[in-house]
N, C-alpha and C. Protein backbone atom coordinates (compact mmCIF):
# COMPACT_ATOMS: atom_id res chain seq x y z
N UNK A 1 -7.45 18.06 -0.12
CA UNK A 1 -7.67 16.65 0.08
C UNK A 1 -8.60 16.44 1.26
N UNK A 2 -9.32 15.40 1.21
CA UNK A 2 -10.31 15.09 2.24
C UNK A 2 -9.68 14.31 3.38
N UNK A 3 -10.33 14.39 4.54
CA UNK A 3 -9.88 13.61 5.70
C UNK A 3 -10.47 12.21 5.67
N UNK A 4 -11.19 11.86 4.64
CA UNK A 4 -11.86 10.56 4.55
C UNK A 4 -11.04 9.51 3.80
N UNK A 5 -9.75 9.64 3.80
CA UNK A 5 -8.90 8.67 3.12
C UNK A 5 -9.04 7.30 3.77
N UNK A 6 -8.87 6.26 2.96
CA UNK A 6 -8.89 4.88 3.45
C UNK A 6 -7.98 4.05 2.54
N UNK A 7 -7.74 2.81 2.93
CA UNK A 7 -6.99 1.90 2.07
C UNK A 7 -7.78 0.60 1.96
N UNK A 8 -7.52 -0.14 0.89
CA UNK A 8 -8.14 -1.46 0.71
C UNK A 8 -7.31 -2.28 -0.26
N UNK A 9 -7.58 -3.57 -0.23
CA UNK A 9 -6.95 -4.50 -1.18
C UNK A 9 -7.77 -4.54 -2.46
N UNK A 10 -7.09 -4.75 -3.58
CA UNK A 10 -7.79 -4.92 -4.84
C UNK A 10 -7.18 -6.12 -5.55
N UNK A 11 -7.95 -7.16 -5.89
CA UNK A 11 -9.41 -7.19 -5.83
C UNK A 11 -9.97 -7.47 -4.44
N UNK A 12 -9.24 -8.21 -3.59
CA UNK A 12 -9.71 -8.43 -2.22
C UNK A 12 -8.55 -8.93 -1.36
N UNK A 13 -8.78 -9.00 -0.06
CA UNK A 13 -7.73 -9.40 0.89
C UNK A 13 -7.16 -10.78 0.55
N UNK A 14 -8.02 -11.73 0.29
CA UNK A 14 -7.57 -13.10 0.02
C UNK A 14 -6.66 -13.16 -1.21
N UNK A 15 -7.07 -12.50 -2.27
CA UNK A 15 -6.30 -12.54 -3.51
C UNK A 15 -4.90 -11.93 -3.32
N UNK A 16 -4.82 -10.85 -2.59
CA UNK A 16 -3.56 -10.13 -2.44
C UNK A 16 -2.65 -10.76 -1.39
N UNK A 17 -3.22 -11.25 -0.29
CA UNK A 17 -2.38 -11.68 0.84
C UNK A 17 -2.38 -13.18 1.11
N UNK A 18 -3.08 -13.96 0.32
CA UNK A 18 -3.14 -15.41 0.55
C UNK A 18 -1.74 -16.02 0.44
N UNK A 19 -1.32 -16.73 1.48
CA UNK A 19 -0.02 -17.39 1.50
C UNK A 19 1.13 -16.51 1.96
N UNK A 20 0.86 -15.25 2.22
CA UNK A 20 1.90 -14.33 2.69
C UNK A 20 1.97 -14.44 4.22
N UNK A 21 3.16 -14.50 4.81
CA UNK A 21 3.26 -14.59 6.27
C UNK A 21 2.51 -13.44 6.97
N UNK A 22 1.92 -13.76 8.10
CA UNK A 22 1.09 -12.81 8.84
C UNK A 22 1.87 -11.54 9.20
N UNK A 23 3.14 -11.69 9.60
CA UNK A 23 3.90 -10.50 10.00
C UNK A 23 4.16 -9.56 8.83
N UNK A 24 4.26 -10.10 7.62
CA UNK A 24 4.45 -9.26 6.43
C UNK A 24 3.16 -8.51 6.13
N UNK A 25 2.04 -9.21 6.17
CA UNK A 25 0.74 -8.57 5.93
C UNK A 25 0.49 -7.48 6.97
N UNK A 26 0.82 -7.76 8.22
CA UNK A 26 0.62 -6.77 9.29
C UNK A 26 1.46 -5.52 9.03
N UNK A 27 2.68 -5.69 8.57
CA UNK A 27 3.54 -4.54 8.27
C UNK A 27 3.00 -3.75 7.09
N UNK A 28 2.53 -4.43 6.06
CA UNK A 28 1.93 -3.75 4.91
C UNK A 28 0.72 -2.94 5.36
N UNK A 29 -0.12 -3.53 6.18
CA UNK A 29 -1.32 -2.83 6.66
C UNK A 29 -0.94 -1.65 7.55
N UNK A 30 0.11 -1.78 8.34
CA UNK A 30 0.57 -0.66 9.16
C UNK A 30 1.05 0.49 8.28
N UNK A 31 1.83 0.17 7.26
CA UNK A 31 2.33 1.20 6.35
C UNK A 31 1.19 1.84 5.55
N UNK A 32 0.22 1.03 5.14
CA UNK A 32 -0.94 1.58 4.44
C UNK A 32 -1.69 2.55 5.34
N UNK A 33 -1.82 2.20 6.61
CA UNK A 33 -2.46 3.10 7.56
C UNK A 33 -1.70 4.41 7.71
N UNK A 34 -0.37 4.34 7.69
CA UNK A 34 0.43 5.56 7.77
C UNK A 34 0.27 6.42 6.52
N UNK A 35 0.18 5.77 5.35
CA UNK A 35 -0.07 6.53 4.12
C UNK A 35 -1.42 7.25 4.20
N UNK A 36 -2.43 6.56 4.73
CA UNK A 36 -3.75 7.16 4.90
C UNK A 36 -3.67 8.36 5.85
N UNK A 37 -2.95 8.19 6.96
CA UNK A 37 -2.80 9.29 7.92
C UNK A 37 -2.14 10.50 7.27
N UNK A 38 -1.09 10.27 6.50
CA UNK A 38 -0.41 11.37 5.82
C UNK A 38 -1.32 12.04 4.80
N UNK A 39 -2.00 11.22 4.00
CA UNK A 39 -2.90 11.78 2.98
C UNK A 39 -4.03 12.58 3.63
N UNK A 40 -4.49 12.14 4.79
CA UNK A 40 -5.57 12.84 5.49
C UNK A 40 -5.16 14.22 5.97
N UNK A 41 -3.86 14.43 6.14
CA UNK A 41 -3.37 15.75 6.57
C UNK A 41 -3.12 16.67 5.38
N UNK A 42 -3.30 16.16 4.17
CA UNK A 42 -3.11 16.97 2.97
C UNK A 42 -1.81 16.72 2.25
N UNK A 43 -1.00 15.79 2.74
CA UNK A 43 0.26 15.46 2.07
C UNK A 43 -0.03 14.60 0.84
N UNK A 44 0.60 14.95 -0.28
CA UNK A 44 0.43 14.18 -1.51
C UNK A 44 1.28 12.92 -1.42
N UNK A 45 0.64 11.77 -1.27
CA UNK A 45 1.36 10.51 -1.13
C UNK A 45 1.54 9.78 -2.46
N UNK A 46 1.16 10.42 -3.56
CA UNK A 46 1.24 9.75 -4.87
C UNK A 46 2.66 9.55 -5.36
N UNK A 47 3.64 10.19 -4.70
CA UNK A 47 5.03 9.96 -5.10
C UNK A 47 5.85 9.27 -4.01
N UNK A 48 5.19 8.71 -3.01
CA UNK A 48 5.88 7.93 -1.98
C UNK A 48 6.26 6.57 -2.56
N UNK A 49 7.29 5.95 -2.01
CA UNK A 49 7.74 4.67 -2.52
C UNK A 49 8.53 4.87 -3.80
N UNK A 50 8.66 3.79 -4.56
CA UNK A 50 9.43 3.83 -5.81
C UNK A 50 8.48 3.59 -6.97
N UNK A 51 8.74 4.28 -8.06
CA UNK A 51 7.92 4.11 -9.25
C UNK A 51 8.42 5.02 -10.34
N UNK A 52 7.97 4.80 -11.57
CA UNK A 52 8.48 5.58 -12.70
C UNK A 52 8.08 7.05 -12.65
N UNK A 53 6.92 7.34 -12.07
CA UNK A 53 6.46 8.73 -11.98
C UNK A 53 5.37 8.82 -10.92
N UNK A 54 5.15 9.99 -10.34
CA UNK A 54 4.07 10.13 -9.36
C UNK A 54 2.72 9.80 -9.98
N UNK A 55 1.86 9.18 -9.20
CA UNK A 55 0.52 8.88 -9.68
C UNK A 55 0.37 7.50 -10.28
N UNK A 56 1.46 6.83 -10.60
CA UNK A 56 1.39 5.50 -11.17
C UNK A 56 1.52 4.44 -10.09
N UNK A 57 1.76 3.22 -10.53
CA UNK A 57 1.97 2.11 -9.61
C UNK A 57 3.22 2.37 -8.79
N UNK A 58 3.11 2.25 -7.47
CA UNK A 58 4.21 2.53 -6.55
C UNK A 58 4.66 1.25 -5.87
N UNK A 59 5.92 1.19 -5.49
CA UNK A 59 6.46 0.05 -4.76
C UNK A 59 7.04 0.56 -3.45
N UNK A 60 6.72 -0.12 -2.35
CA UNK A 60 7.25 0.29 -1.04
C UNK A 60 7.76 -0.94 -0.31
N UNK A 61 8.94 -0.83 0.30
CA UNK A 61 9.51 -1.93 1.08
C UNK A 61 8.70 -2.17 2.35
N UNK A 62 8.60 -3.46 2.72
CA UNK A 62 7.85 -3.82 3.93
C UNK A 62 8.32 -5.17 4.44
N UNK A 63 8.85 -5.22 5.66
CA UNK A 63 9.20 -6.47 6.35
C UNK A 63 10.12 -7.38 5.53
N UNK A 64 11.06 -6.80 4.82
CA UNK A 64 12.00 -7.59 4.03
C UNK A 64 11.50 -7.90 2.63
N UNK A 65 10.26 -7.63 2.34
CA UNK A 65 9.68 -7.79 1.01
C UNK A 65 9.23 -6.42 0.52
N UNK A 66 8.16 -6.39 -0.25
CA UNK A 66 7.62 -5.12 -0.70
C UNK A 66 6.17 -5.30 -1.10
N UNK A 67 5.52 -4.18 -1.35
CA UNK A 67 4.15 -4.22 -1.85
C UNK A 67 3.95 -3.14 -2.90
N UNK A 68 2.98 -3.38 -3.77
CA UNK A 68 2.63 -2.44 -4.82
C UNK A 68 1.30 -1.79 -4.47
N UNK A 69 1.21 -0.49 -4.71
CA UNK A 69 -0.03 0.22 -4.42
C UNK A 69 -0.25 1.35 -5.42
N UNK A 70 -1.48 1.77 -5.49
CA UNK A 70 -1.89 2.92 -6.29
C UNK A 70 -2.53 3.93 -5.36
N UNK A 71 -2.43 5.19 -5.72
CA UNK A 71 -3.09 6.25 -4.98
C UNK A 71 -4.19 6.82 -5.88
N UNK A 72 -5.41 6.83 -5.37
CA UNK A 72 -6.55 7.36 -6.12
C UNK A 72 -7.11 8.57 -5.37
N UNK A 73 -6.55 9.77 -5.60
CA UNK A 73 -6.95 10.94 -4.83
C UNK A 73 -8.41 11.35 -5.03
N UNK A 74 -9.00 11.01 -6.15
CA UNK A 74 -10.40 11.39 -6.37
C UNK A 74 -11.36 10.56 -5.54
N UNK A 75 -10.90 9.38 -5.09
CA UNK A 75 -11.82 8.50 -4.36
C UNK A 75 -11.94 8.77 -2.87
N UNK A 76 -11.11 9.19 -2.08
CA UNK A 76 -9.67 9.13 -1.83
C UNK A 76 -9.27 7.78 -1.23
N UNK A 77 -8.38 7.09 -1.92
CA UNK A 77 -8.14 5.69 -1.63
C UNK A 77 -6.70 5.30 -1.93
N UNK A 78 -6.11 4.48 -1.05
CA UNK A 78 -4.84 3.81 -1.29
C UNK A 78 -5.21 2.37 -1.64
N UNK A 79 -4.78 1.88 -2.80
CA UNK A 79 -5.17 0.56 -3.28
C UNK A 79 -3.94 -0.36 -3.27
N UNK A 80 -3.97 -1.39 -2.44
CA UNK A 80 -2.87 -2.36 -2.38
C UNK A 80 -3.20 -3.49 -3.35
N UNK A 81 -2.33 -3.68 -4.34
CA UNK A 81 -2.62 -4.64 -5.40
C UNK A 81 -1.78 -5.91 -5.33
N UNK A 82 -0.62 -5.85 -4.64
CA UNK A 82 0.22 -7.06 -4.56
C UNK A 82 1.19 -6.93 -3.40
N UNK A 83 1.41 -8.05 -2.71
CA UNK A 83 2.41 -8.13 -1.65
C UNK A 83 3.42 -9.20 -2.05
N UNK A 84 4.69 -8.86 -1.99
CA UNK A 84 5.77 -9.80 -2.27
C UNK A 84 6.54 -10.01 -0.97
N UNK A 85 6.51 -11.25 -0.43
CA UNK A 85 7.20 -11.49 0.84
C UNK A 85 8.71 -11.57 0.64
N UNK A 86 9.48 -11.55 1.74
CA UNK A 86 10.92 -11.75 1.61
C UNK A 86 11.21 -13.14 1.04
N UNK A 87 12.35 -13.28 0.39
CA UNK A 87 12.71 -14.53 -0.26
C UNK A 87 12.67 -15.71 0.70
N UNK A 88 13.15 -15.52 1.93
CA UNK A 88 13.19 -16.65 2.88
C UNK A 88 11.80 -17.07 3.36
N UNK A 89 10.77 -16.31 3.04
CA UNK A 89 9.40 -16.67 3.43
C UNK A 89 8.65 -17.38 2.31
N UNK A 90 9.30 -17.55 1.16
CA UNK A 90 8.62 -18.20 0.03
C UNK A 90 8.59 -19.70 0.20
């Protein structure tokens, strides 16, 4: 694995995080950064979080809510596709 791992929102930051409390977005971004750090050391992060099988859509808890992400090792990229805030923040 390459040391050039990064993360990004798909399709973009506004679409994924619009209306989500700032502290939840900050926690998601912190966790995404940690996934990047782990992947950069050669750890396979495609089975982190919860999901039906490694390599598919993953779910990870964050700040009382959760977020969905994909791991694209060929790119090398962590793709955050949705953030779900805690119920009391809706």
